[in-house]
C-alpha atoms as a PDB file:
ATOM      1  CA  MET A   1      -0.080  -0.011   0.107  1.00  0.00           C
ATOM      2  CA  LYS A   2       2.753   2.374   0.978  1.00  0.00           C
ATOM      3  CA  GLN A   3       4.468   1.951  -2.541  1.00  0.00           C
ATOM      4  CA  ARG A   4       1.184   2.245  -4.263  1.00  0.00           C
ATOM      5  CA  ILE A   5       0.513   5.725  -2.452  1.00  0.00           C
ATOM      6  CA  ILE A   6       3.912   6.957  -3.203  1.00  0.00           C
ATOM      7  CA  THR A   7       3.715   6.012  -6.997  1.00  0.00           C
ATOM      8  CA  GLY A   8       0.320   7.545  -7.101  1.00  0.00           C
ATOM      9  CA  ILE A   9       1.532  11.017  -5.606  1.00  0.00           C
ATOM     10  CA  ILE A  10       4.510  10.989  -7.995  1.00  0.00           C
ATOM     11  CA  ALA A  11       2.474  10.081 -11.040  1.00  0.00           C
ATOM     12  CA  ALA A  12      -0.134  12.695 -10.156  1.00  0.00           C
ATOM     13  CA  ALA A  13       2.593  15.487  -9.841  1.00  0.00           C
ATOM     14  CA  VAL A  14       3.710  14.519 -13.112  1.00  0.00           C
ATOM     15  CA  PHE A  15       0.324  14.044 -14.937  1.00  0.00           C
ATOM     16  CA  LEU A  16      -1.773  16.802 -13.525  1.00  0.00           C
ATOM     17  CA  PRO A  17       0.380  19.925 -14.420  1.00  0.00           C
ATOM     18  CA  ILE A  18       0.313  18.404 -18.054  1.00  0.00           C
ATOM     19  CA  VAL A  19      -3.239  18.060 -18.224  1.00  0.00           C
ATOM     20  CA  MET A  20      -3.601  21.661 -16.889  1.00  0.00           C
ATOM     21  CA  LEU A  21      -1.310  22.862 -19.733  1.00  0.00           C
ATOM     22  CA  GLY A  22      -3.371  21.007 -22.218  1.00  0.00           C
ATOM     23  CA  GLY A  23      -2.758  21.428 -26.050  1.00  0.00           C
ATOM     24  CA  LEU A  24       0.399  19.923 -27.667  1.00  0.00           C
ATOM     25  CA  PRO A  25       2.113  18.979 -24.195  1.00  0.00           C
ATOM     26  CA  PHE A  26      -0.929  16.974 -23.177  1.00  0.00           C
ATOM     27  CA  LEU A  27      -1.227  15.274 -26.710  1.00  0.00           C
ATOM     28  CA  ILE A  28       2.376  14.155 -26.359  1.00  0.00           C
ATOM     29  CA  LEU A  29       1.763  12.596 -23.051  1.00  0.00           C
ATOM     30  CA  VAL A  30      -1.521  10.761 -24.522  1.00  0.00           C
ATOM     31  CA  TYR A  31       0.570   9.654 -27.531  1.00  0.00           C
ATOM     32  CA  LEU A  32       3.128   7.968 -25.136  1.00  0.00           C
ATOM     33  CA  MET A  33       0.391   6.528 -22.727  1.00  0.00           C
ATOM     34  CA  ALA A  34      -1.357   5.025 -25.512  1.00  0.00           C
ATOM     35  CA  THR A  35       2.047   3.572 -27.363  1.00  0.00           C
ATOM     36  CA  ILE A  36       2.968   2.067 -23.970  1.00  0.00           C
ATOM     37  CA  GLY A  37      -0.523   0.590 -23.524  1.00  0.00           C
ATOM     38  CA  LEU A  38      -0.514  -1.003 -26.857  1.00  0.00           C
ATOM     39  CA  PHE A  39       2.798  -2.511 -26.292  1.00  0.00           C
ATOM     40  CA  GLU A  40       1.387  -3.849 -23.081  1.00  0.00           C
ATOM     41  CA  LEU A  41      -1.602  -5.622 -24.887  1.00  0.00           C
ATOM     42  CA  LEU A  42       0.769  -6.858 -27.755  1.00  0.00           C
ATOM     43  CA  ARG A  43       3.201  -8.359 -24.871  1.00  0.00           C
ATOM     44  CA  MET A  44       0.466 -10.097 -23.376  1.00  0.00           C
ATOM     45  CA  LYS A  45      -0.467 -11.660 -26.621  1.00  0.00           C
ATOM     46  CA  ARG A  46       3.177 -12.681 -26.892  1.00  0.00           C
ATOM     47  CA  MET A  47       3.468 -10.956 -30.262  1.00  0.00           C
ATOM     48  CA  PRO A  48       6.944  -9.954 -31.544  1.00  0.00           C
ATOM     49  CA  LEU A  49       7.357  -6.149 -30.861  1.00  0.00           C
ATOM     50  CA  PHE A  50       9.719  -5.769 -34.082  1.00  0.00           C
ATOM     51  CA  SER A  51       7.328  -7.442 -36.875  1.00  0.00           C
ATOM     52  CA  PHE A  52       5.392  -6.030 -39.621  1.00  0.00           C
ATOM     53  CA  ALA A  53       2.007  -6.605 -37.884  1.00  0.00           C
ATOM     54  CA  SER A  54       3.193  -4.633 -34.878  1.00  0.00           C
ATOM     55  CA  THR A  55       4.505  -1.849 -37.040  1.00  0.00           C
ATOM     56  CA  VAL A  56       1.118  -1.654 -38.580  1.00  0.00           C
ATOM     57  CA  SER A  57      -0.646  -1.518 -35.334  1.00  0.00           C
ATOM     58  CA  PHE A  58       1.642   1.122 -33.978  1.00  0.00           C
ATOM     59  CA  LEU A  59       1.133   3.317 -36.964  1.00  0.00           C
ATOM     60  CA  LEU A  60      -2.531   2.794 -37.051  1.00  0.00           C
ATOM     61  CA  LEU A  61      -2.590   3.752 -33.484  1.00  0.00           C
ATOM     62  CA  TRP A  62      -0.814   7.019 -34.079  1.00  0.00           C
ATOM     63  CA  LEU A  63      -3.266   7.769 -36.754  1.00  0.00           C
ATOM     64  CA  VAL A  64      -6.446   6.826 -34.557  1.00  0.00           C
ATOM     65  CA  LEU A  65      -5.010   9.248 -31.905  1.00  0.00           C
ATOM     66  CA  LEU A  66      -4.695  12.157 -34.261  1.00  0.00           C
ATOM     67  CA  PRO A  67      -6.852  15.227 -33.506  1.00  0.00           C
ATOM     68  CA  GLU A  68      -8.703  16.824 -36.177  1.00  0.00           C
ATOM     69  CA  ASP A  69      -6.842  19.940 -35.974  1.00  0.00           C
ATOM     70  CA  TYR A  70      -3.708  18.018 -36.644  1.00  0.00           C
ATOM     71  CA  SER A  71      -4.995  15.810 -39.402  1.00  0.00           C
ATOM     72  CA  VAL A  72      -4.460  18.378 -42.283  1.00  0.00           C
ATOM     73  CA  PHE A  73      -2.100  15.927 -43.933  1.00  0.00           C
ATOM     74  CA  LEU A  74      -4.699  13.388 -44.035  1.00  0.00           C
ATOM     75  CA  ASP A  75      -7.317  15.863 -45.627  1.00  0.00           C
ATOM     76  CA  SER A  76      -4.872  16.878 -48.141  1.00  0.00           C
ATOM     77  CA  MET A  77      -4.319  13.186 -49.240  1.00  0.00           C
ATOM     78  CA  GLN A  78      -8.067  12.774 -49.301  1.00  0.00           C
ATOM     79  CA  TYR A  79      -8.183   9.898 -46.719  1.00  0.00           C
ATOM     80  CA  ASP A  80      -9.858   9.593 -43.495  1.00  0.00           C
ATOM     81  CA  LYS A  81      -9.322   7.425 -40.473  1.00  0.00           C
ATOM     82  CA  THR A  82     -11.908   4.742 -41.402  1.00  0.00           C
ATOM     83  CA  GLN A  83     -10.297   4.082 -44.752  1.00  0.00           C
ATOM     84  CA  LEU A  84      -6.936   3.687 -43.057  1.00  0.00           C
ATOM     85  CA  VAL A  85      -8.361   1.298 -40.424  1.00  0.00           C
ATOM     86  CA  LEU A  86      -9.611  -0.783 -43.483  1.00  0.00           C
ATOM     87  CA  LEU A  87      -6.353  -0.575 -45.266  1.00  0.00           C
ATOM     88  CA  SER A  88      -4.603  -1.891 -41.992  1.00  0.00           C
ATOM     89  CA  VAL A  89      -6.874  -5.017 -42.051  1.00  0.00           C
ATOM     90  CA  ILE A  90      -5.947  -5.726 -45.734  1.00  0.00           C
ATOM     91  CA  LEU A  91      -2.195  -5.456 -44.576  1.00  0.00           C
ATOM     92  CA  TYR A  92      -2.923  -7.862 -41.399  1.00  0.00           C
ATOM     93  CA  LEU A  93      -4.486 -10.381 -43.809  1.00  0.00           C
ATOM     94  CA  ILE A  94      -1.661 -10.171 -46.472  1.00  0.00           C
ATOM     95  CA  ASN A  95       0.737 -10.849 -43.547  1.00  0.00           C
ATOM     96  CA  THR A  96      -1.168 -13.918 -42.610  1.00  0.00           C
ATOM     97  CA  VAL A  97      -0.012 -15.245 -46.136  1.00  0.00           C
ATOM     98  CA  ILE A  98       3.399 -13.740 -46.121  1.00  0.00           C
ATOM     99  CA  SER A  99       4.108 -15.264 -42.536  1.00  0.00           C
ATOM    100  CA  LYS A 100       2.691 -18.701 -43.657  1.00  0.00           C
ATOM    101  CA  ASN A 101       0.063 -18.299 -40.780  1.00  0.00           C
ATOM    102  CA  ARG A 102       2.603 -17.574 -38.236  1.00  0.00           C
ATOM    103  CA  PHE A 103       0.453 -14.478 -38.023  1.00  0.00           C
ATOM    104  CA  THR A 104      -3.102 -15.822 -37.985  1.00  0.00           C
ATOM    105  CA  PHE A 105      -6.617 -14.675 -38.747  1.00  0.00           C
ATOM    106  CA  GLU A 106      -7.128 -14.516 -34.790  1.00  0.00           C
ATOM    107  CA  ASP A 107      -4.069 -12.383 -34.635  1.00  0.00           C
ATOM    108  CA  THR A 108      -5.529  -9.836 -37.042  1.00  0.00           C
ATOM    109  CA  GLY A 109      -8.549  -9.557 -34.951  1.00  0.00           C
ATOM    110  CA  PHE A 110      -6.598  -9.120 -31.780  1.00  0.00           C
ATOM    111  CA  SER A 111      -4.518  -6.619 -33.240  1.00  0.00           C
ATOM    112  CA  LEU A 112      -7.115  -4.485 -34.644  1.00  0.00           C
ATOM    113  CA  LEU A 113      -9.335  -4.516 -31.547  1.00  0.00           C
ATOM    114  CA  SER A 114      -6.188  -3.637 -29.310  1.00  0.00           C
ATOM    115  CA  VAL A 115      -5.635  -0.461 -31.648  1.00  0.00           C
ATOM    116  CA  LEU A 116      -9.135   0.578 -31.540  1.00  0.00           C
ATOM    117  CA  TYR A 117      -9.623  -0.193 -27.704  1.00  0.00           C
ATOM    118  CA  VAL A 118      -6.367   1.805 -26.774  1.00  0.00           C
ATOM    119  CA  GLY A 119      -6.623   4.368 -29.628  1.00  0.00           C
ATOM    120  CA  MET A 120     -10.167   5.387 -29.095  1.00  0.00           C
ATOM    121  CA  GLY A 121     -10.106   5.638 -25.373  1.00  0.00           C
ATOM    122  CA  PHE A 122      -6.904   7.851 -25.321  1.00  0.00           C
ATOM    123  CA  PHE A 123      -8.147   9.859 -28.368  1.00  0.00           C
ATOM    124  CA  TYR A 124     -11.330  10.742 -26.240  1.00  0.00           C
ATOM    125  CA  LEU A 125      -9.202  11.478 -23.429  1.00  0.00           C
ATOM    126  CA  PHE A 126      -7.413  14.177 -25.255  1.00  0.00           C
ATOM    127  CA  LEU A 127     -10.904  15.524 -26.791  1.00  0.00           C
ATOM    128  CA  THR A 128     -12.318  15.590 -23.091  1.00  0.00           C
ATOM    129  CA  ARG A 129      -9.343  17.868 -22.106  1.00  0.00           C
ATOM    130  CA  GLU A 130     -10.062  20.017 -25.399  1.00  0.00           C
ATOM    131  CA  SER A 131     -13.623  20.300 -24.114  1.00  0.00           C
ATOM    132  CA  GLY A 132     -12.344  22.189 -21.221  1.00  0.00           C
ATOM    133  CA  LEU A 133     -10.210  21.782 -17.901  1.00  0.00           C
ATOM    134  CA  VAL A 134     -13.524  21.177 -15.777  1.00  0.00           C
ATOM    135  CA  TRP A 135     -14.581  18.269 -17.953  1.00  0.00           C
ATOM    136  CA  ILE A 136     -11.302  16.450 -17.821  1.00  0.00           C
ATOM    137  CA  PHE A 137     -10.979  17.041 -13.960  1.00  0.00           C
ATOM    138  CA  PHE A 138     -14.512  15.804 -13.515  1.00  0.00           C
ATOM    139  CA  ALA A 139     -13.806  12.589 -15.323  1.00  0.00           C
ATOM    140  CA  LEU A 140     -10.595  11.984 -13.530  1.00  0.00           C
ATOM    141  CA  PHE A 141     -11.567  12.786  -9.954  1.00  0.00           C
ATOM    142  CA  THR A 142     -14.836  10.738 -10.559  1.00  0.00           C
ATOM    143  CA  ILE A 143     -13.154   7.602 -11.845  1.00  0.00           C
ATOM    144  CA  TRP A 144     -10.471   8.110  -9.124  1.00  0.00           C
ATOM    145  CA  ALA A 145     -13.026   8.210  -6.296  1.00  0.00           C
ATOM    146  CA  SER A 146     -15.044   5.357  -7.771  1.00  0.00           C
ATOM    147  CA  ASP A 147     -11.863   3.226  -7.933  1.00  0.00           C
ATOM    148  CA  SER A 148     -10.944   4.312  -4.152  1.00  0.00           C
ATOM    149  CA  GLY A 149     -14.443   3.893  -2.853  1.00  0.00           C
ATOM    150  CA  ALA A 150     -14.929   0.233  -4.515  1.00  0.00           C
ATOM    151  CA  TYR A 151     -11.618  -0.509  -3.012  1.00  0.00           C
ATOM    152  CA  PHE A 152     -11.991   0.460   0.415  1.00  0.00           C
ATOM    153  CA  PHE A 153     -15.904  -0.228   0.793  1.00  0.00           C
ATOM    154  CA  GLY A 154     -15.035  -3.646  -0.532  1.00  0.00           C
ATOM    155  CA  ARG A 155     -12.294  -4.258   2.063  1.00  0.00           C
ATOM    156  CA  ALA A 156     -14.519  -2.906   4.981  1.00  0.00           C
ATOM    157  CA  PHE A 157     -17.883  -4.310   4.053  1.00  0.00           C
ATOM    158  CA  GLY A 158     -17.243  -6.686   1.233  1.00  0.00           C
ATOM    159  CA  LYS A 159     -19.146 -10.236   1.640  1.00  0.00           C
ATOM    160  CA  ARG A 160     -20.991 -10.809  -1.705  1.00  0.00           C
ATOM    161  CA  LYS A 161     -18.806 -11.467  -4.735  1.00  0.00           C
ATOM    162  CA  LEU A 162     -19.524  -9.408  -7.666  1.00  0.00           C
ATOM    163  CA  TRP A 163     -18.003 -11.554 -10.524  1.00  0.00           C
ATOM    164  CA  PRO A 164     -15.542 -14.143  -9.084  1.00  0.00           C
ATOM    165  CA  GLU A 165     -14.911 -15.898 -12.349  1.00  0.00           C
ATOM    166  CA  ILE A 166     -13.296 -12.569 -13.535  1.00  0.00           C
ATOM    167  CA  SER A 167     -12.178 -10.803 -10.465  1.00  0.00           C
ATOM    168  CA  PRO A 168     -12.362 -12.699  -7.234  1.00  0.00           C
ATOM    169  CA  ASN A 169     -11.669  -9.981  -5.015  1.00  0.00           C
ATOM    170  CA  LYS A 170     -14.415  -7.671  -6.071  1.00  0.00           C
ATOM    171  CA  THR A 171     -17.577  -7.407  -4.226  1.00  0.00           C
ATOM    172  CA  ILE A 172     -21.093  -6.005  -4.696  1.00  0.00           C
ATOM    173  CA  GLU A 173     -20.578  -3.753  -1.549  1.00  0.00           C
ATOM    174  CA  GLY A 174     -17.361  -2.444  -3.216  1.00  0.00           C
ATOM    175  CA  PHE A 175     -19.194  -1.900  -6.517  1.00  0.00           C
ATOM    176  CA  LEU A 176     -21.974   0.066  -4.480  1.00  0.00           C
ATOM    177  CA  GLY A 177     -19.170   1.937  -2.668  1.00  0.00           C
ATOM    178  CA  GLY A 178     -17.540   3.131  -5.748  1.00  0.00           C
ATOM    179  CA  ILE A 179     -20.807   4.484  -7.177  1.00  0.00           C
ATOM    180  CA  ALA A 180     -21.666   6.411  -3.878  1.00  0.00           C
ATOM    181  CA  SER A 181     -18.058   7.861  -3.776  1.00  0.00           C
ATOM    182  CA  ALA A 182     -18.568   8.896  -7.701  1.00  0.00           C
ATOM    183  CA  VAL A 183     -21.880  10.600  -6.595  1.00  0.00           C
ATOM    184  CA  ILE A 184     -20.238  12.660  -3.734  1.00  0.00           C
ATOM    185  CA  VAL A 185     -17.634  14.010  -6.374  1.00  0.00           C
ATOM    186  CA  GLY A 186     -20.546  14.810  -8.605  1.00  0.00           C
ATOM    187  CA  LEU A 187     -22.040  16.844  -5.764  1.00  0.00           C
ATOM    188  CA  LEU A 188     -18.888  18.689  -4.879  1.00  0.00           C
ATOM    189  CA  PHE A 189     -18.238  19.537  -8.637  1.00  0.00           C
ATOM    190  CA  TYR A 190     -21.794  20.954  -8.829  1.00  0.00           C
ATOM    191  CA  PHE A 191     -21.280  23.156  -6.066  1.00  0.00           C
ATOM    192  CA  ILE A 192     -17.710  24.384  -6.513  1.00  0.00           C
ATOM    193  CA  SER A 193     -17.254  24.383 -10.189  1.00  0.00           C
ATOM    194  CA  ASP A 194     -18.910  26.290 -13.100  1.00  0.00           C
ATOM    195  CA  PHE A 195     -20.842  23.609 -14.931  1.00  0.00           C
ATOM    196  CA  ASN A 196     -23.530  24.152 -17.485  1.00  0.00           C
ATOM    197  CA  ARG A 197     -25.134  20.863 -16.186  1.00  0.00           C
ATOM    198  CA  THR A 198     -28.024  20.536 -13.566  1.00  0.00           C
ATOM    199  CA  LEU A 199     -27.531  18.875 -10.518  1.00  0.00           C
ATOM    200  CA  ILE A 200     -29.595  15.684 -11.712  1.00  0.00           C
ATOM    201  CA  GLU A 201     -27.598  15.475 -15.083  1.00  0.00           C
ATOM    202  CA  LEU A 202     -24.208  15.788 -13.089  1.00  0.00           C
ATOM    203  CA  LEU A 203     -25.310  12.980 -10.744  1.00  0.00           C
ATOM    204  CA  TRP A 204     -26.455  10.852 -13.582  1.00  0.00           C
ATOM    205  CA  MET A 205     -23.175  11.189 -15.248  1.00  0.00           C
ATOM    206  CA  SER A 206     -21.352  10.418 -12.000  1.00  0.00           C
ATOM    207  CA  VAL A 207     -23.266   7.166 -11.635  1.00  0.00           C
ATOM    208  CA  LEU A 208     -22.684   6.263 -15.313  1.00  0.00           C
ATOM    209  CA  ILE A 209     -19.025   6.988 -15.092  1.00  0.00           C
ATOM    210  CA  SER A 210     -18.799   4.706 -11.839  1.00  0.00           C
ATOM    211  CA  VAL A 211     -20.815   1.798 -13.357  1.00  0.00           C
ATOM    212  CA  PHE A 212     -19.011   1.647 -16.775  1.00  0.00           C
ATOM    213  CA  GLY A 213     -15.557   2.597 -15.069  1.00  0.00           C
ATOM    214  CA  GLN A 214     -15.920  -0.342 -13.005  1.00  0.00           C
ATOM    215  CA  LEU A 215     -17.057  -2.494 -15.887  1.00  0.00           C
ATOM    216  CA  GLY A 216     -14.071  -1.313 -17.897  1.00  0.00           C
ATOM    217  CA  ASP A 217     -11.983  -2.612 -15.076  1.00  0.00           C
ATOM    218  CA  LEU A 218     -13.683  -5.973 -15.038  1.00  0.00           C
ATOM    219  CA  VAL A 219     -12.840  -6.055 -18.894  1.00  0.00           C
ATOM    220  CA  GLN A 220      -9.338  -5.686 -18.267  1.00  0.00           C
ATOM    221  CA  SER A 221      -9.480  -8.246 -15.502  1.00  0.00           C
ATOM    222  CA  ALA A 222     -11.015 -10.766 -18.177  1.00  0.00           C
ATOM    223  CA  TYR A 223      -8.480 -10.351 -20.666  1.00  0.00           C
ATOM    224  CA  LYS A 224      -5.538 -10.474 -18.177  1.00  0.00           C
ATOM    225  CA  ARG A 225      -6.788 -13.700 -16.652  1.00  0.00           C
ATOM    226  CA  HIS A 226      -7.379 -15.085 -20.425  1.00  0.00           C
ATOM    227  CA  TYR A 227      -3.771 -14.432 -20.955  1.00  0.00           C
ATOM    228  CA  GLY A 228      -2.500 -15.405 -17.432  1.00  0.00           C
ATOM    229  CA  VAL A 229      -0.993 -12.316 -16.241  1.00  0.00           C
ATOM    230  CA  LYS A 230      -1.422 -10.264 -13.008  1.00  0.00           C
ATOM    231  CA  ASP A 231      -0.728  -7.121 -14.188  1.00  0.00           C
ATOM    232  CA  SER A 232      -0.613  -5.168 -17.826  1.00  0.00           C
ATOM    233  CA  GLY A 233       3.014  -3.836 -17.110  1.00  0.00           C
ATOM    234  CA  LYS A 234       5.361  -2.847 -14.259  1.00  0.00           C
ATOM    235  CA  LEU A 235       5.811   0.972 -15.289  1.00  0.00           C
ATOM    236  CA  LEU A 236       4.021   2.237 -12.253  1.00  0.00           C
ATOM    237  CA  PRO A 237       5.039   0.316  -8.992  1.00  0.00           C
ATOM    238  CA  GLY A 238       2.076  -0.920  -6.813  1.00  0.00           C
ATOM    239  CA  HIS A 239      -0.133   0.078  -9.822  1.00  0.00           C
ATOM    240  CA  GLY A 240       1.099  -2.088 -12.583  1.00  0.00           C
ATOM    241  CA  GLY A 241       1.186  -0.804 -16.155  1.00  0.00           C
ATOM    242  CA  ILE A 242      -0.519   2.132 -17.876  1.00  0.00           C
ATOM    243  CA  LEU A 243      -3.620   0.081 -18.917  1.00  0.00           C
ATOM    244  CA  ASP A 244      -3.891  -1.099 -15.164  1.00  0.00           C
ATOM    245  CA  ARG A 245      -4.329   2.622 -14.137  1.00  0.00           C
ATOM    246  CA  PHE A 246      -6.468   3.936 -17.244  1.00  0.00           C
ATOM    247  CA  ASP A 247      -8.454   1.001 -17.862  1.00  0.00           C
ATOM    248  CA  SER A 248     -11.632   2.664 -16.467  1.00  0.00           C
ATOM    249  CA  LEU A 249     -10.950   6.025 -18.072  1.00  0.00           C
ATOM    250  CA  ILE A 250     -10.447   4.746 -21.343  1.00  0.00           C
ATOM    251  CA  PHE A 251     -13.522   2.727 -21.207  1.00  0.00           C
ATOM    252  CA  ILE A 252     -15.895   5.358 -20.135  1.00  0.00           C
ATOM    253  CA  LEU A 253     -14.833   8.478 -22.005  1.00  0.00           C
ATOM    254  CA  PRO A 254     -15.856   7.194 -25.318  1.00  0.00           C
ATOM    255  CA  ILE A 255     -19.093   6.225 -24.129  1.00  0.00           C
ATOM    256  CA  LEU A 256     -19.686   9.646 -22.595  1.00  0.00           C
ATOM    257  CA  HIS A 257     -18.968  11.276 -25.691  1.00  0.00           C
ATOM    258  CA  PHE A 258     -21.101   8.906 -27.774  1.00  0.00           C
ATOM    259  CA  LEU A 259     -23.863   9.854 -25.586  1.00  0.00           C
ATOM    260  CA  HIS A 260     -23.047  13.430 -25.960  1.00  0.00           C
ATOM    261  CA  LEU A 261     -22.801  14.052 -22.309  1.00  0.00           C
ATOM    262  CA  PHE A 262     -19.600  15.848 -22.657  1.00  0.00           C
ATOM    263  CA  SER A 263     -19.336  19.288 -24.467  1.00  0.00           C
END
């Protein structure tokens, strides 16, 4: 626990000032974190880092992450991201032939899904910051409160398992504690920040962030269990890897934007 707290303080001291700066510095950080996240996924699958398929995956990730303001060169070539995703699928499938099925059809699906999962999540992290500092802080603090509430309520009161086949330590009491903690953050933001949302809207968003954030954490637990790893990486002592720390956030942010809840 001590190591976890120390790592959290150091990471926050580095992360939050860059969040406050926004713009290009934050975009560079987003690119770095997403690249590490994709690397963690490929390593779980034991896919070689220096290979044709991995190269295509990283190039596609960097294109998916590209904000509209920085995609002038794509417009000049009359391409969009959807076309490039389809092109990458063709390249992956060609590689199944070239590699004589060492890179398989299943590997194609894994590679593409990994890029979209990581890329879309971190793309919307940047887009949320571009929506305004209050929005990114609301998302961050609500997720952090939900994660902490679920952990401490689960430790103190947890008796009934939430989903033991996926994550044996998570409990229903912890799940509800996470929602309650998120709602408290929603209340605080309503009274101390300048939001163009009603109290009901903020509380609804807080519940949504907590529920789907915890679901995002379970999604990661599922694929880590499938690939037989405890943590996605070792970059953050006491926390694991980038995906261990951002799994909830990159899962919920696209949903919030798709529902037009963030402006």
